[in-house]
C-alpha cells in the first residue's frame, strides 16, 4: 500500500467506525465524537481522492466533510 491508500483507508475507517457505533446504538448522530469521526474521515478520504484525481469521490467526500463541518458548527453553537 502506498501513502494515498493509507490516507484513504484511515479516512474510510473513521467513517465506518462512526457508522457502526451509530447503528449499534452506542453513539448518537448528534454526539461530538460521531461528528468528528465523520469530519476527519471524510476529509482524509477526500484528500486521498484528490491525490488519486478521482472526481466522483472528491465530490462525495468533499460534500460529506462539508456537511460534517456544518454539524460541528451547529454542535458548538448549542454547547
Protein backbone atom coordinates (compact mmCIF):
# COMPACT_ATOMS: atom_id res chain seq x y z
CA UNK A 1 0.00 0.00 0.00
CA UNK A 2 1.20 3.49 -0.81
CA UNK A 3 0.61 6.68 1.18
CA UNK A 4 -2.57 7.53 -0.75
CA UNK A 5 -4.02 4.12 0.13
CA UNK A 6 -3.13 4.65 3.79
CA UNK A 7 -4.74 8.09 3.91
CA UNK A 8 -7.91 6.82 2.25
CA UNK A 9 -8.06 3.68 4.39
CA UNK A 10 -7.73 5.63 7.64
CA UNK A 11 -10.40 8.06 6.48
CA UNK A 12 -12.84 5.34 5.49
CA UNK A 13 -12.14 3.53 8.77
CA UNK A 14 -13.16 6.63 10.73
CA UNK A 15 -16.42 6.90 8.77
CA UNK A 16 -17.23 3.19 9.12
CA UNK A 17 -16.39 3.20 12.84
CA UNK A 18 -18.80 6.10 13.41
CA UNK A 19 -21.49 4.35 11.37
CA UNK A 20 -21.11 1.03 13.20
CA UNK A 21 -21.23 2.76 16.59
CA UNK A 22 -24.31 4.70 15.48
CA UNK A 23 -26.32 1.73 14.20
CA UNK A 24 -25.37 -0.32 17.27
CA UNK A 25 -26.83 2.43 19.47
CA UNK A 26 -23.53 3.30 21.12
CA UNK A 27 -23.07 6.73 19.52
CA UNK A 28 -25.85 9.18 18.65
CA UNK A 29 -25.61 11.12 15.39
CA UNK A 30 -25.55 14.40 17.35
CA UNK A 31 -22.65 13.25 19.55
CA UNK A 32 -19.45 15.26 19.14
CA UNK A 33 -17.37 12.12 18.52
CA UNK A 34 -19.73 10.97 15.74
CA UNK A 35 -19.44 14.37 14.06
CA UNK A 36 -15.65 14.47 14.43
CA UNK A 37 -15.18 10.89 13.17
CA UNK A 38 -17.18 11.78 10.06
CA UNK A 39 -15.43 15.11 9.53
CA UNK A 40 -11.93 13.67 9.90
CA UNK A 41 -12.77 10.53 7.94
CA UNK A 42 -14.40 12.34 5.05
CA UNK A 43 -11.60 14.90 4.94
CA UNK A 44 -8.93 12.20 4.75
CA UNK A 45 -10.88 10.25 2.14
CA UNK A 46 -11.30 13.46 0.14
CA UNK A 47 -7.56 14.17 0.30
CA UNK A 48 -6.84 10.64 -0.94
CA UNK A 49 -9.37 11.11 -3.75
CA UNK A 50 -7.74 14.41 -4.73
CA UNK A 51 -4.33 12.74 -4.81
CA UNK A 52 -5.81 9.96 -7.00
CA UNK A 53 -7.54 12.60 -9.14
CA UNK A 54 -10.84 10.72 -8.90
CA UNK A 55 -13.55 13.36 -9.24
CA UNK A 56 -16.64 11.35 -8.19
CA UNK A 57 -15.16 10.63 -4.76
CA UNK A 58 -13.70 14.11 -4.43
CA UNK A 59 -17.28 15.38 -4.72
CA UNK A 60 -18.75 12.69 -2.45
CA UNK A 61 -16.19 13.04 0.34
CA UNK A 62 -15.98 16.81 -0.03
CA UNK A 63 -19.73 17.14 0.47
CA UNK A 64 -19.59 14.64 3.37
CA UNK A 65 -16.85 16.69 5.05
CA UNK A 66 -18.76 19.93 4.44
CA UNK A 67 -21.97 18.54 5.94
CA UNK A 68 -19.98 17.25 8.92
CA UNK A 69 -18.41 20.68 9.35
CA UNK A 70 -21.88 22.27 9.37
CA UNK A 71 -22.93 19.71 12.01
CA UNK A 72 -19.87 20.60 14.08
CA UNK A 73 -20.67 24.31 13.90
CA UNK A 74 -24.27 23.63 14.97
CA UNK A 75 -23.00 21.49 17.83
CA UNK A 76 -20.64 24.23 19.02
CA UNK A 77 -23.44 26.79 18.81
CA UNK A 78 -25.67 24.65 21.05
CA UNK A 79 -22.98 23.91 23.64
